[in-house]
Amino acid sequence: MADSEADVISHLLDVEQNAFVQVKEAQEKANKMVGEARSEADSQFKTRYEEIASELDKEFLDERKRIVEEHNVSLSAFKDSVQKKEKNKSAFENFVKKAI
């Protein structure tokens, strides 16, 4: 009977060892899968981030160019209107003399 009990205990220890090995292999496989998924997600994030950043940068540069052109047109129109104004030097000189 002692041999039978020893065989049962030995068998149970073998089963436990086998279960431990299987759990360890499953954990290693899961860790590998998680690592690969994380790497893929990071790669996709970086790609999409760069796409969005590039689009926003282009939109910014286009908007900036439009604003600069609009500003230049307004400034040119203002300069033209100032140059077309009639200058009255004598009235300005009289004003300066009174102010001093």
Protein backbone atom coordinates (compact mmCIF):
# COMPACT_ATOMS: atom_id res chain seq x y z
CA MET A 1 0.00 0.00 0.00
CA ALA A 2 2.91 2.35 0.67
CA ASP A 3 4.12 1.99 -2.91
CA SER A 4 0.64 2.80 -4.16
CA GLU A 5 0.46 5.93 -2.01
CA ALA A 6 3.97 6.95 -3.13
CA ASP A 7 2.95 6.42 -6.75
CA VAL A 8 -0.16 8.56 -6.26
CA ILE A 9 1.85 11.31 -4.56
CA SER A 10 4.52 11.11 -7.26
CA HIS A 11 1.82 11.31 -9.93
CA LEU A 12 0.20 14.31 -8.22
CA LEU A 13 3.58 16.06 -8.03
CA ASP A 14 4.10 15.37 -11.74
CA VAL A 15 0.66 16.79 -12.50
CA GLU A 16 1.43 19.86 -10.38
CA GLN A 17 4.79 20.33 -12.13
CA ASN A 18 3.12 19.97 -15.53
CA ALA A 19 0.47 22.53 -14.53
CA PHE A 20 3.19 24.91 -13.33
CA VAL A 21 5.05 24.60 -16.65
CA GLN A 22 1.87 25.16 -18.64
CA VAL A 23 0.91 28.22 -16.59
CA LYS A 24 4.45 29.61 -16.96
CA GLU A 25 4.40 29.08 -20.74
CA ALA A 26 0.94 30.66 -20.99
CA GLN A 27 2.12 33.68 -18.98
CA GLU A 28 5.19 34.08 -21.19
CA LYS A 29 3.02 33.82 -24.31
CA ALA A 30 0.56 36.36 -22.90
CA ASN A 31 3.41 38.74 -22.01
CA LYS A 32 4.79 38.40 -25.53
CA MET A 33 1.36 39.08 -27.05
CA VAL A 34 0.85 42.12 -24.82
CA GLY A 35 4.29 43.44 -25.75
CA GLU A 36 3.64 42.99 -29.46
CA ALA A 37 0.20 44.61 -29.16
CA ARG A 38 1.68 47.53 -27.23
CA SER A 39 4.41 47.94 -29.83
CA GLU A 40 1.85 47.88 -32.66
CA ALA A 41 -0.40 50.36 -30.83
CA ASP A 42 2.54 52.69 -30.20
CA SER A 43 3.51 52.49 -33.87
CA GLN A 44 -0.04 53.26 -35.00
CA PHE A 45 -0.28 56.12 -32.51
CA LYS A 46 3.00 57.62 -33.70
CA THR A 47 1.96 57.35 -37.35
CA ARG A 48 -1.43 58.96 -36.74
CA TYR A 49 0.07 61.60 -34.46
CA GLU A 50 2.53 62.61 -37.18
CA GLU A 51 -0.28 62.72 -39.77
CA ILE A 52 -2.42 64.97 -37.58
CA ALA A 53 0.54 67.18 -36.64
CA SER A 54 1.44 67.53 -40.31
CA GLU A 55 -2.14 68.45 -41.23
CA LEU A 56 -2.35 71.01 -38.43
CA ASP A 57 1.02 72.47 -39.38
CA LYS A 58 -0.11 72.84 -43.01
CA GLU A 59 -3.40 74.43 -41.91
CA PHE A 60 -1.47 76.83 -39.67
CA LEU A 61 0.94 77.83 -42.44
CA ASP A 62 -1.92 78.28 -44.94
CA GLU A 63 -3.91 80.40 -42.47
CA ARG A 64 -0.82 82.44 -41.58
CA LYS A 65 -0.11 83.07 -45.27
CA ARG A 66 -3.72 84.16 -45.82
CA ILE A 67 -3.59 86.53 -42.86
CA VAL A 68 -0.26 88.03 -43.96
CA GLU A 69 -1.61 88.58 -47.47
CA GLU A 70 -4.81 90.13 -46.09
CA HIS A 71 -2.73 92.36 -43.81
CA ASN A 72 -0.50 93.45 -46.68
CA VAL A 73 -3.56 94.34 -48.79
CA SER A 74 -5.06 96.34 -45.91
CA LEU A 75 -1.77 98.09 -45.17
CA SER A 76 -1.28 98.94 -48.84
CA ALA A 77 -4.81 100.32 -49.04
CA PHE A 78 -4.22 102.41 -45.90
CA LYS A 79 -0.92 103.77 -47.27
CA ASP A 80 -2.61 104.66 -50.54
CA SER A 81 -5.45 106.47 -48.74
CA VAL A 82 -2.95 108.41 -46.59
CA GLN A 83 -0.90 109.42 -49.63
CA LYS A 84 -4.02 110.57 -51.48
CA LYS A 85 -5.06 112.87 -48.63
CA GLU A 86 -4.54 116.52 -49.30
CA LYS A 87 -1.78 117.97 -47.15
CA ASN A 88 -2.31 121.34 -45.61
CA LYS A 89 1.16 122.36 -44.38
CA SER A 90 0.19 125.83 -43.31
CA ALA A 91 -2.63 124.56 -41.06
CA PHE A 92 -0.25 122.01 -39.53
CA GLU A 93 2.42 124.68 -38.94
CA ASN A 94 -0.17 126.93 -37.28
CA PHE A 95 -1.29 124.05 -35.06
CA VAL A 96 2.29 123.30 -34.01
CA LYS A 97 2.96 126.97 -33.24
CA LYS A 98 -0.16 127.15 -31.07
CA ALA A 99 0.72 123.92 -29.28
CA ILE A 100 4.22 125.16 -28.42
